[in-house]
Amino acid sequence: MQTNVPIPPAIPGAPDGIKGDATGGVIPYKNPRALISYYLGLFSLFPVLGLILGVVAIVLGIQGIKFYRKHPQVRGIVHAWIGICAGAGAMLLQAGIVCAIVAAAKR
């Protein structure tokens, strides 16, 4: 049985290999840095992981935004910003917890 799946058309001015987004931009799989930043930003909310994953989420989010600015048809800017904000928030929260633990241990 053969299924006819429509292939999204190529976007004018896009580099080779970047075509239209069949998901309507909900999942920015054409901007993997933004997508990975999003997930790492969410996972950085777990204790202990936040300090490490938060930094990576911020860096990849910035790279995802830069890629979006060069190629707006790939989408993903919202995912990148969520990754940056969640990563930064988790880092601040967990750094505050570490400071509170150190201060309590000194008493």
PDB file of N, CA and C in Angstrom:
ATOM      1  N   MET A   1       0.840  -1.174   0.000  1.00  0.00           N
ATOM      2  CA  MET A   1       0.000   0.000   0.000  1.00  0.00           C
ATOM      3  C   MET A   1       0.887   1.239   0.000  1.00  0.00           C
ATOM      4  N   GLN A   2       0.646   2.087  -0.908  1.00  0.00           N
ATOM      5  CA  GLN A   2       1.457   3.302  -1.025  1.00  0.00           C
ATOM      6  C   GLN A   2       0.650   4.492  -0.520  1.00  0.00           C
ATOM      7  N   THR A   3       1.275   5.266   0.360  1.00  0.00           N
ATOM      8  CA  THR A   3       0.613   6.466   0.866  1.00  0.00           C
ATOM      9  C   THR A   3       1.260   7.688   0.250  1.00  0.00           C
ATOM     10  N   ASN A   4       0.450   8.647  -0.059  1.00  0.00           N
ATOM     11  CA  ASN A   4       0.963   9.885  -0.636  1.00  0.00           C
ATOM     12  C   ASN A   4       1.045  10.937   0.457  1.00  0.00           C
ATOM     13  N   VAL A   5       2.247  11.146   0.953  1.00  0.00           N
ATOM     14  CA  VAL A   5       2.475  12.152   1.978  1.00  0.00           C
ATOM     15  C   VAL A   5       2.960  13.409   1.282  1.00  0.00           C
ATOM     16  N   PRO A   6       2.254  14.523   1.486  1.00  0.00           N
ATOM     17  CA  PRO A   6       2.692  15.741   0.817  1.00  0.00           C
ATOM     18  C   PRO A   6       4.032  16.218   1.366  1.00  0.00           C
ATOM     19  N   ILE A   7       4.908  16.606   0.466  1.00  0.00           N
ATOM     20  CA  ILE A   7       6.214  17.146   0.846  1.00  0.00           C
ATOM     21  C   ILE A   7       6.106  18.664   0.848  1.00  0.00           C
ATOM     22  N   PRO A   8       6.492  19.307   1.954  1.00  0.00           N
ATOM     23  CA  PRO A   8       6.390  20.763   1.994  1.00  0.00           C
ATOM     24  C   PRO A   8       7.290  21.394   0.940  1.00  0.00           C
ATOM     25  N   PRO A   9       6.844  22.480   0.345  1.00  0.00           N
ATOM     26  CA  PRO A   9       7.650  23.120  -0.691  1.00  0.00           C
ATOM     27  C   PRO A   9       8.881  23.792  -0.099  1.00  0.00           C
ATOM     28  N   ALA A  10       9.902  23.916  -0.929  1.00  0.00           N
ATOM     29  CA  ALA A  10      11.109  24.627  -0.507  1.00  0.00           C
ATOM     30  C   ALA A  10      10.772  26.104  -0.315  1.00  0.00           C
ATOM     31  N   ILE A  11      11.422  26.714   0.628  1.00  0.00           N
ATOM     32  CA  ILE A  11      11.158  28.118   0.931  1.00  0.00           C
ATOM     33  C   ILE A  11      12.167  28.975   0.175  1.00  0.00           C
ATOM     34  N   PRO A  12      11.693  29.989  -0.569  1.00  0.00           N
ATOM     35  CA  PRO A  12      12.617  30.823  -1.318  1.00  0.00           C
ATOM     36  C   PRO A  12      13.616  31.522  -0.401  1.00  0.00           C
ATOM     37  N   GLY A  13      14.870  31.517  -0.801  1.00  0.00           N
ATOM     38  CA  GLY A  13      15.904  32.191  -0.034  1.00  0.00           C
ATOM     39  C   GLY A  13      16.461  31.348   1.101  1.00  0.00           C
ATOM     40  N   ALA A  14      15.926  30.140   1.272  1.00  0.00           N
ATOM     41  CA  ALA A  14      16.409  29.270   2.346  1.00  0.00           C
ATOM     42  C   ALA A  14      17.621  28.492   1.860  1.00  0.00           C
ATOM     43  N   PRO A  15      18.543  28.174   2.753  1.00  0.00           N
ATOM     44  CA  PRO A  15      19.672  27.356   2.332  1.00  0.00           C
ATOM     45  C   PRO A  15      19.199  25.971   1.908  1.00  0.00           C
ATOM     46  N   ASP A  16      20.039  25.264   1.183  1.00  0.00           N
ATOM     47  CA  ASP A  16      19.672  23.931   0.703  1.00  0.00           C
ATOM     48  C   ASP A  16      19.289  23.031   1.863  1.00  0.00           C
ATOM     49  N   GLY A  17      18.255  22.273   1.693  1.00  0.00           N
ATOM     50  CA  GLY A  17      17.830  21.317   2.702  1.00  0.00           C
ATOM     51  C   GLY A  17      16.792  21.864   3.671  1.00  0.00           C
ATOM     52  N   ILE A  18      16.535  23.156   3.687  1.00  0.00           N
ATOM     53  CA  ILE A  18      15.530  23.705   4.594  1.00  0.00           C
ATOM     54  C   ILE A  18      14.257  23.917   3.788  1.00  0.00           C
ATOM     55  N   LYS A  19      13.244  23.160   4.148  1.00  0.00           N
ATOM     56  CA  LYS A  19      11.955  23.257   3.475  1.00  0.00           C
ATOM     57  C   LYS A  19      10.920  23.735   4.459  1.00  0.00           C
ATOM     58  N   GLY A  20       9.714  23.897   4.004  1.00  0.00           N
ATOM     59  CA  GLY A  20       8.629  24.322   4.877  1.00  0.00           C
ATOM     60  C   GLY A  20       8.401  23.327   6.004  1.00  0.00           C
ATOM     61  N   ASP A  21       7.837  23.803   7.067  1.00  0.00           N
ATOM     62  CA  ASP A  21       7.604  23.003   8.252  1.00  0.00           C
ATOM     63  C   ASP A  21       6.234  22.346   8.167  1.00  0.00           C
ATOM     64  N   ALA A  22       6.202  21.023   8.061  1.00  0.00           N
ATOM     65  CA  ALA A  22       4.937  20.304   7.917  1.00  0.00           C
ATOM     66  C   ALA A  22       4.116  20.321   9.201  1.00  0.00           C
ATOM     67  N   THR A  23       4.755  20.617  10.338  1.00  0.00           N
ATOM     68  CA  THR A  23       4.024  20.633  11.611  1.00  0.00           C
ATOM     69  C   THR A  23       3.411  21.994  11.886  1.00  0.00           C
ATOM     70  N   GLY A  24       3.559  22.928  10.999  1.00  0.00           N
ATOM     71  CA  GLY A  24       3.002  24.254  11.206  1.00  0.00           C
ATOM     72  C   GLY A  24       3.798  25.079  12.191  1.00  0.00           C
ATOM     73  N   GLY A  25       5.010  24.662  12.498  1.00  0.00           N
ATOM     74  CA  GLY A  25       5.859  25.419  13.394  1.00  0.00           C
ATOM     75  C   GLY A  25       5.690  25.075  14.857  1.00  0.00           C
ATOM     76  N   VAL A  26       4.851  24.085  15.167  1.00  0.00           N
ATOM     77  CA  VAL A  26       4.635  23.717  16.558  1.00  0.00           C
ATOM     78  C   VAL A  26       5.898  23.082  17.138  1.00  0.00           C
ATOM     79  N   ILE A  27       6.548  22.231  16.380  1.00  0.00           N
ATOM     80  CA  ILE A  27       7.801  21.605  16.797  1.00  0.00           C
ATOM     81  C   ILE A  27       8.883  22.084  15.832  1.00  0.00           C
ATOM     82  N   PRO A  28       9.799  22.916  16.303  1.00  0.00           N
ATOM     83  CA  PRO A  28      10.802  23.480  15.394  1.00  0.00           C
ATOM     84  C   PRO A  28      11.953  22.515  15.120  1.00  0.00           C
ATOM     85  N   TYR A  29      11.668  21.405  14.439  1.00  0.00           N
ATOM     86  CA  TYR A  29      12.706  20.415  14.200  1.00  0.00           C
ATOM     87  C   TYR A  29      13.753  20.905  13.209  1.00  0.00           C
ATOM     88  N   LYS A  30      13.491  21.980  12.518  1.00  0.00           N
ATOM     89  CA  LYS A  30      14.483  22.560  11.609  1.00  0.00           C
ATOM     90  C   LYS A  30      15.460  23.473  12.364  1.00  0.00           C
ATOM     91  N   ASN A  31      15.173  23.750  13.622  1.00  0.00           N
ATOM     92  CA  ASN A  31      16.053  24.552  14.474  1.00  0.00           C
ATOM     93  C   ASN A  31      16.360  23.714  15.718  1.00  0.00           C
ATOM     94  N   PRO A  32      17.253  22.723  15.577  1.00  0.00           N
ATOM     95  CA  PRO A  32      17.469  21.782  16.677  1.00  0.00           C
ATOM     96  C   PRO A  32      18.053  22.421  17.929  1.00  0.00           C
ATOM     97  N   ARG A  33      18.837  23.486  17.788  1.00  0.00           N
ATOM     98  CA  ARG A  33      19.391  24.132  18.979  1.00  0.00           C
ATOM     99  C   ARG A  33      18.284  24.725  19.851  1.00  0.00           C
ATOM    100  N   ALA A  34      17.293  25.325  19.222  1.00  0.00           N
ATOM    101  CA  ALA A  34      16.174  25.891  19.982  1.00  0.00           C
ATOM    102  C   ALA A  34      15.377  24.794  20.665  1.00  0.00           C
ATOM    103  N   LEU A  35      15.159  23.690  19.975  1.00  0.00           N
ATOM    104  CA  LEU A  35      14.389  22.587  20.539  1.00  0.00           C
ATOM    105  C   LEU A  35      15.131  21.930  21.698  1.00  0.00           C
ATOM    106  N   ILE A  36      16.430  21.708  21.541  1.00  0.00           N
ATOM    107  CA  ILE A  36      17.222  21.114  22.619  1.00  0.00           C
ATOM    108  C   ILE A  36      17.296  22.072  23.801  1.00  0.00           C
ATOM    109  N   SER A  37      17.432  23.362  23.530  1.00  0.00           N
ATOM    110  CA  SER A  37      17.452  24.362  24.601  1.00  0.00           C
ATOM    111  C   SER A  37      16.159  24.308  25.401  1.00  0.00           C
ATOM    112  N   TYR A  38      15.051  24.167  24.708  1.00  0.00           N
ATOM    113  CA  TYR A  38      13.739  24.073  25.362  1.00  0.00           C
ATOM    114  C   TYR A  38      13.694  22.900  26.344  1.00  0.00           C
ATOM    115  N   TYR A  39      14.083  21.729  25.869  1.00  0.00           N
ATOM    116  CA  TYR A  39      14.025  20.544  26.723  1.00  0.00           C
ATOM    117  C   TYR A  39      15.039  20.615  27.864  1.00  0.00           C
ATOM    118  N   LEU A  40      16.239  21.098  27.581  1.00  0.00           N
ATOM    119  CA  LEU A  40      17.234  21.220  28.649  1.00  0.00           C
ATOM    120  C   LEU A  40      16.801  22.253  29.685  1.00  0.00           C
ATOM    121  N   GLY A  41      16.159  23.318  29.218  1.00  0.00           N
ATOM    122  CA  GLY A  41      15.647  24.314  30.157  1.00  0.00           C
ATOM    123  C   GLY A  41      14.604  23.718  31.081  1.00  0.00           C
ATOM    124  N   LEU A  42      13.747  22.863  30.549  1.00  0.00           N
ATOM    125  CA  LEU A  42      12.746  22.204  31.387  1.00  0.00           C
ATOM    126  C   LEU A  42      13.380  21.186  32.332  1.00  0.00           C
ATOM    127  N   PHE A  43      14.334  20.415  31.832  1.00  0.00           N
ATOM    128  CA  PHE A  43      15.006  19.422  32.676  1.00  0.00           C
ATOM    129  C   PHE A  43      15.912  20.069  33.713  1.00  0.00           C
ATOM    130  N   SER A  44      16.309  21.310  33.481  1.00  0.00           N
ATOM    131  CA  SER A  44      17.168  21.981  34.457  1.00  0.00           C
ATOM    132  C   SER A  44      16.416  22.301  35.743  1.00  0.00           C
ATOM    133  N   LEU A  45      15.102  22.151  35.742  1.00  0.00           N
ATOM    134  CA  LEU A  45      14.321  22.380  36.946  1.00  0.00           C
ATOM    135  C   LEU A  45      14.480  21.244  37.960  1.00  0.00           C
ATOM    136  N   PHE A  46      15.049  20.112  37.531  1.00  0.00           N
ATOM    137  CA  PHE A  46      15.326  19.025  38.469  1.00  0.00           C
ATOM    138  C   PHE A  46      16.489  19.408  39.367  1.00  0.00           C
ATOM    139  N   PRO A  47      16.424  19.044  40.638  1.00  0.00           N
ATOM    140  CA  PRO A  47      17.528  19.370  41.546  1.00  0.00           C
ATOM    141  C   PRO A  47      18.851  18.797  41.067  1.00  0.00           C
ATOM    142  N   VAL A  48      19.896  19.496  41.318  1.00  0.00           N
ATOM    143  CA  VAL A  48      21.286  19.183  41.006  1.00  0.00           C
ATOM    144  C   VAL A  48      21.598  19.364  39.521  1.00  0.00           C
ATOM    145  N   LEU A  49      20.704  19.007  38.638  1.00  0.00           N
ATOM    146  CA  LEU A  49      20.951  19.128  37.205  1.00  0.00           C
ATOM    147  C   LEU A  49      20.891  20.578  36.722  1.00  0.00           C
ATOM    148  N   GLY A  50      20.200  21.429  37.459  1.00  0.00           N
ATOM    149  CA  GLY A  50      19.937  22.785  37.005  1.00  0.00           C
ATOM    150  C   GLY A  50      21.156  23.624  36.748  1.00  0.00           C
ATOM    151  N   LEU A  51      22.171  23.471  37.562  1.00  0.00           N
ATOM    152  CA  LEU A  51      23.362  24.296  37.387  1.00  0.00           C
ATOM    153  C   LEU A  51      24.096  23.954  36.092  1.00  0.00           C
ATOM    154  N   ILE A  52      24.096  22.685  35.721  1.00  0.00           N
ATOM    155  CA  ILE A  52      24.797  22.264  34.504  1.00  0.00           C
ATOM    156  C   ILE A  52      23.917  22.452  33.271  1.00  0.00           C
ATOM    157  N   LEU A  53      22.702  21.910  33.334  1.00  0.00           N
ATOM    158  CA  LEU A  53      21.814  21.982  32.177  1.00  0.00           C
ATOM    159  C   LEU A  53      21.362  23.408  31.886  1.00  0.00           C
ATOM    160  N   GLY A  54      21.281  24.237  32.908  1.00  0.00           N
ATOM    161  CA  GLY A  54      20.883  25.625  32.712  1.00  0.00           C
ATOM    162  C   GLY A  54      21.849  26.381  31.814  1.00  0.00           C
ATOM    163  N   VAL A  55      23.138  26.171  32.040  1.00  0.00           N
ATOM    164  CA  VAL A  55      24.155  26.841  31.215  1.00  0.00           C
ATOM    165  C   VAL A  55      24.043  26.384  29.766  1.00  0.00           C
ATOM    166  N   VAL A  56      23.908  25.081  29.570  1.00  0.00           N
ATOM    167  CA  VAL A  56      23.808  24.541  28.208  1.00  0.00           C
ATOM    168  C   VAL A  56      22.527  25.032  27.537  1.00  0.00           C
ATOM    169  N   ALA A  57      21.435  25.097  28.281  1.00  0.00           N
ATOM    170  CA  ALA A  57      20.164  25.578  27.724  1.00  0.00           C
ATOM    171  C   ALA A  57      20.289  27.035  27.280  1.00  0.00           C
ATOM    172  N   ILE A  58      20.971  27.850  28.055  1.00  0.00           N
ATOM    173  CA  ILE A  58      21.149  29.257  27.699  1.00  0.00           C
ATOM    174  C   ILE A  58      21.994  29.400  26.442  1.00  0.00           C
ATOM    175  N   VAL A  59      23.101  28.677  26.389  1.00  0.00           N
ATOM    176  CA  VAL A  59      23.986  28.760  25.220  1.00  0.00           C
ATOM    177  C   VAL A  59      23.273  28.294  23.955  1.00  0.00           C
ATOM    178  N   LEU A  60      22.605  27.136  24.031  1.00  0.00           N
ATOM    179  CA  LEU A  60      21.895  26.637  22.849  1.00  0.00           C
ATOM    180  C   LEU A  60      20.713  27.519  22.482  1.00  0.00           C
ATOM    181  N   GLY A  61      20.061  28.114  23.468  1.00  0.00           N
ATOM    182  CA  GLY A  61      18.967  29.035  23.178  1.00  0.00           C
ATOM    183  C   GLY A  61      19.434  30.254  22.405  1.00  0.00           C
ATOM    184  N   ILE A  62      20.574  30.790  22.810  1.00  0.00           N
ATOM    185  CA  ILE A  62      21.139  31.943  22.091  1.00  0.00           C
ATOM    186  C   ILE A  62      21.510  31.551  20.670  1.00  0.00           C
ATOM    187  N   GLN A  63      22.106  30.374  20.504  1.00  0.00           N
ATOM    188  CA  GLN A  63      22.438  29.902  19.158  1.00  0.00           C
ATOM    189  C   GLN A  63      21.177  29.674  18.322  1.00  0.00           C
ATOM    190  N   GLY A  64      20.122  29.167  18.953  1.00  0.00           N
ATOM    191  CA  GLY A  64      18.856  28.961  18.250  1.00  0.00           C
ATOM    192  C   GLY A  64      18.231  30.270  17.789  1.00  0.00           C
ATOM    193  N   ILE A  65      18.343  31.314  18.623  1.00  0.00           N
ATOM    194  CA  ILE A  65      17.827  32.632  18.235  1.00  0.00           C
ATOM    195  C   ILE A  65      18.632  33.199  17.078  1.00  0.00           C
ATOM    196  N   LYS A  66      19.940  33.041  17.115  1.00  0.00           N
ATOM    197  CA  LYS A  66      20.779  33.518  16.005  1.00  0.00           C
ATOM    198  C   LYS A  66      20.428  32.803  14.709  1.00  0.00           C
ATOM    199  N   PHE A  67      20.206  31.489  14.788  1.00  0.00           N
ATOM    200  CA  PHE A  67      19.831  30.731  13.592  1.00  0.00           C
ATOM    201  C   PHE A  67      18.469  31.176  13.078  1.00  0.00           C
ATOM    202  N   TYR A  68      17.537  31.440  13.987  1.00  0.00           N
ATOM    203  CA  TYR A  68      16.213  31.919  13.597  1.00  0.00           C
ATOM    204  C   TYR A  68      16.310  33.257  12.879  1.00  0.00           C
ATOM    205  N   ARG A  69      17.169  34.143  13.371  1.00  0.00           N
ATOM    206  CA  ARG A  69      17.295  35.464  12.739  1.00  0.00           C
ATOM    207  C   ARG A  69      17.845  35.363  11.333  1.00  0.00           C
ATOM    208  N   LYS A  70      18.699  34.380  11.066  1.00  0.00           N
ATOM    209  CA  LYS A  70      19.220  34.178   9.712  1.00  0.00           C
ATOM    210  C   LYS A  70      18.190  33.498   8.818  1.00  0.00           C
ATOM    211  N   HIS A  71      17.388  32.610   9.411  1.00  0.00           N
ATOM    212  CA  HIS A  71      16.415  31.813   8.656  1.00  0.00           C
ATOM    213  C   HIS A  71      15.077  31.811   9.385  1.00  0.00           C
ATOM    214  N   PRO A  72      14.290  32.889   9.303  1.00  0.00           N
ATOM    215  CA  PRO A  72      13.033  32.955  10.061  1.00  0.00           C
ATOM    216  C   PRO A  72      12.008  31.886   9.693  1.00  0.00           C
ATOM    217  N   GLN A  73      12.145  31.262   8.556  1.00  0.00           N
ATOM    218  CA  GLN A  73      11.192  30.239   8.154  1.00  0.00           C
ATOM    219  C   GLN A  73      11.327  28.963   8.979  1.00  0.00           C
ATOM    220  N   VAL A  74      12.424  28.769   9.704  1.00  0.00           N
ATOM    221  CA  VAL A  74      12.599  27.541  10.477  1.00  0.00           C
ATOM    222  C   VAL A  74      11.900  27.589  11.823  1.00  0.00           C
ATOM    223  N   ARG A  75      11.525  28.760  12.281  1.00  0.00           N
ATOM    224  CA  ARG A  75      10.809  28.952  13.549  1.00  0.00           C
ATOM    225  C   ARG A  75      11.667  28.547  14.742  1.00  0.00           C
ATOM    226  N   GLY A  76      11.055  28.479  15.906  1.00  0.00           N
ATOM    227  CA  GLY A  76      11.748  28.011  17.093  1.00  0.00           C
ATOM    228  C   GLY A  76      12.180  29.090  18.057  1.00  0.00           C
ATOM    229  N   ILE A  77      11.858  30.351  17.780  1.00  0.00           N
ATOM    230  CA  ILE A  77      12.318  31.407  18.674  1.00  0.00           C
ATOM    231  C   ILE A  77      11.652  31.302  20.048  1.00  0.00           C
ATOM    232  N   VAL A  78      10.401  30.897  20.101  1.00  0.00           N
ATOM    233  CA  VAL A  78       9.716  30.758  21.391  1.00  0.00           C
ATOM    234  C   VAL A  78      10.344  29.629  22.198  1.00  0.00           C
ATOM    235  N   HIS A  79      10.662  28.515  21.547  1.00  0.00           N
ATOM    236  CA  HIS A  79      11.314  27.412  22.233  1.00  0.00           C
ATOM    237  C   HIS A  79      12.669  27.856  22.780  1.00  0.00           C
ATOM    238  N   ALA A  80      13.404  28.633  21.990  1.00  0.00           N
ATOM    239  CA  ALA A  80      14.710  29.113  22.437  1.00  0.00           C
ATOM    240  C   ALA A  80      14.567  30.011  23.662  1.00  0.00           C
ATOM    241  N   TRP A  81      13.609  30.924  23.634  1.00  0.00           N
ATOM    242  CA  TRP A  81      13.412  31.828  24.779  1.00  0.00           C
ATOM    243  C   TRP A  81      12.954  31.078  26.025  1.00  0.00           C
ATOM    244  N   ILE A  82      12.102  30.083  25.848  1.00  0.00           N
ATOM    245  CA  ILE A  82      11.681  29.287  27.003  1.00  0.00           C
ATOM    246  C   ILE A  82      12.879  28.552  27.591  1.00  0.00           C
ATOM    247  N   GLY A  83      13.730  28.007  26.736  1.00  0.00           N
ATOM    248  CA  GLY A  83      14.937  27.332  27.208  1.00  0.00           C
ATOM    249  C   GLY A  83      15.857  28.269  27.966  1.00  0.00           C
ATOM    250  N   ILE A  84      16.030  29.486  27.434  1.00  0.00           N
ATOM    251  CA  ILE A  84      16.897  30.473  28.093  1.00  0.00           C
ATOM    252  C   ILE A  84      16.314  30.869  29.450  1.00  0.00           C
ATOM    253  N   CYS A  85      15.039  31.199  29.483  1.00  0.00           N
ATOM    254  CA  CYS A  85      14.409  31.662  30.730  1.00  0.00           C
ATOM    255  C   CYS A  85      14.336  30.551  31.774  1.00  0.00           C
ATOM    256  N   ALA A  86      13.955  29.350  31.360  1.00  0.00           N
ATOM    257  CA  ALA A  86      13.868  28.239  32.310  1.00  0.00           C
ATOM    258  C   ALA A  86      15.253  27.861  32.822  1.00  0.00           C
ATOM    259  N   GLY A  87      16.229  27.864  31.928  1.00  0.00           N
ATOM    260  CA  GLY A  87      17.594  27.539  32.354  1.00  0.00           C
ATOM    261  C   GLY A  87      18.149  28.566  33.321  1.00  0.00           C
ATOM    262  N   ALA A  88      17.940  29.849  33.026  1.00  0.00           N
ATOM    263  CA  ALA A  88      18.429  30.907  33.915  1.00  0.00           C
ATOM    264  C   ALA A  88      17.685  30.886  35.248  1.00  0.00           C
ATOM    265  N   GLY A  89      16.381  30.696  35.201  1.00  0.00           N
ATOM    266  CA  GLY A  89      15.599  30.644  36.437  1.00  0.00           C
ATOM    267  C   GLY A  89      16.008  29.477  37.317  1.00  0.00           C
ATOM    268  N   ALA A  90      16.207  28.317  36.710  1.00  0.00           N
ATOM    269  CA  ALA A  90      16.612  27.138  37.477  1.00  0.00           C
ATOM    270  C   ALA A  90      18.001  27.331  38.067  1.00  0.00           C
ATOM    271  N   MET A  91      18.892  27.941  37.299  1.00  0.00           N
ATOM    272  CA  MET A  91      20.238  28.196  37.825  1.00  0.00           C
ATOM    273  C   MET A  91      20.183  29.132  39.022  1.00  0.00           C
ATOM    274  N   LEU A  92      19.410  30.202  38.918  1.00  0.00           N
ATOM    275  CA  LEU A  92      19.304  31.146  40.039  1.00  0.00           C
ATOM    276  C   LEU A  92      18.668  30.485  41.259  1.00  0.00           C
ATOM    277  N   LEU A  93      17.614  29.726  41.035  1.00  0.00           N
ATOM    278  CA  LEU A  93      16.937  29.049  42.135  1.00  0.00           C
ATOM    279  C   LEU A  93      17.872  28.075  42.840  1.00  0.00           C
ATOM    280  N   GLN A  94      18.561  27.273  42.069  1.00  0.00           N
ATOM    281  CA  GLN A  94      19.426  26.270  42.675  1.00  0.00           C
ATOM    282  C   GLN A  94      20.688  26.880  43.270  1.00  0.00           C
ATOM    283  N   ALA A  95      21.182  27.959  42.701  1.00  0.00           N
ATOM    284  CA  ALA A  95      22.313  28.661  43.314  1.00  0.00           C
ATOM    285  C   ALA A  95      21.888  29.253  44.654  1.00  0.00           C
ATOM    286  N   GLY A  96      20.665  29.770  44.727  1.00  0.00           N
ATOM    287  CA  GLY A  96      20.147  30.286  45.991  1.00  0.00           C
ATOM    288  C   GLY A  96      20.010  29.194  47.036  1.00  0.00           C
ATOM    289  N   ILE A  97      19.573  28.023  46.609  1.00  0.00           N
ATOM    290  CA  ILE A  97      19.447  26.895  47.535  1.00  0.00           C
ATOM    291  C   ILE A  97      20.822  26.477  48.055  1.00  0.00           C
ATOM    292  N   VAL A  98      21.809  26.418  47.167  1.00  0.00           N
ATOM    293  CA  VAL A  98      23.162  26.065  47.584  1.00  0.00           C
ATOM    294  C   VAL A  98      23.699  27.093  48.577  1.00  0.00           C
ATOM    295  N   CYS A  99      23.479  28.370  48.307  1.00  0.00           N
ATOM    296  CA  CYS A  99      23.925  29.427  49.224  1.00  0.00           C
ATOM    297  C   CYS A  99      23.240  29.292  50.588  1.00  0.00           C
ATOM    298  N   ALA A 100      21.953  28.984  50.586  1.00  0.00           N
ATOM    299  CA  ALA A 100      21.226  28.811  51.840  1.00  0.00           C
ATOM    300  C   ALA A 100      21.752  27.610  52.630  1.00  0.00           C
ATOM    301  N   ILE A 101      22.084  26.536  51.944  1.00  0.00           N
ATOM    302  CA  ILE A 101      22.626  25.354  52.612  1.00  0.00           C
ATOM    303  C   ILE A 101      24.002  25.666  53.205  1.00  0.00           C
ATOM    304  N   VAL A 102      24.832  26.370  52.448  1.00  0.00           N
ATOM    305  CA  VAL A 102      26.171  26.729  52.951  1.00  0.00           C
ATOM    306  C   VAL A 102      26.043  27.656  54.155  1.00  0.00           C
ATOM    307  N   ALA A 103      25.138  28.629  54.083  1.00  0.00           N
ATOM    308  CA  ALA A 103      24.957  29.557  55.196  1.00  0.00           C
ATOM    309  C   ALA A 103      24.434  28.830  56.437  1.00  0.00           C
ATOM    310  N   ALA A 104      23.550  27.878  56.246  1.00  0.00           N
ATOM    311  CA  ALA A 104      23.022  27.113  57.383  1.00  0.00           C
ATOM    312  C   ALA A 104      24.088  26.204  57.984  1.00  0.00           C
ATOM    313  N   ALA A 105      24.984  25.699  57.138  1.00  0.00           N
ATOM    314  CA  ALA A 105      26.043  24.812  57.635  1.00  0.00           C
ATOM    315  C   ALA A 105      27.083  25.576  58.451  1.00  0.00           C
ATOM    316  N   LYS A 106      27.242  26.859  58.182  1.00  0.00           N
ATOM    317  CA  LYS A 106      28.215  27.670  58.915  1.00  0.00           C
ATOM    318  C   LYS A 106      27.737  28.054  60.307  1.00  0.00           C
ATOM    319  N   ARG A 107      26.482  27.909  60.596  1.00  0.00           N
ATOM    320  CA  ARG A 107      25.934  28.299  61.897  1.00  0.00           C
ATOM    321  C   ARG A 107      26.237  27.322  62.958  1.00  0.00           C
TER     322      ARG A 107
END
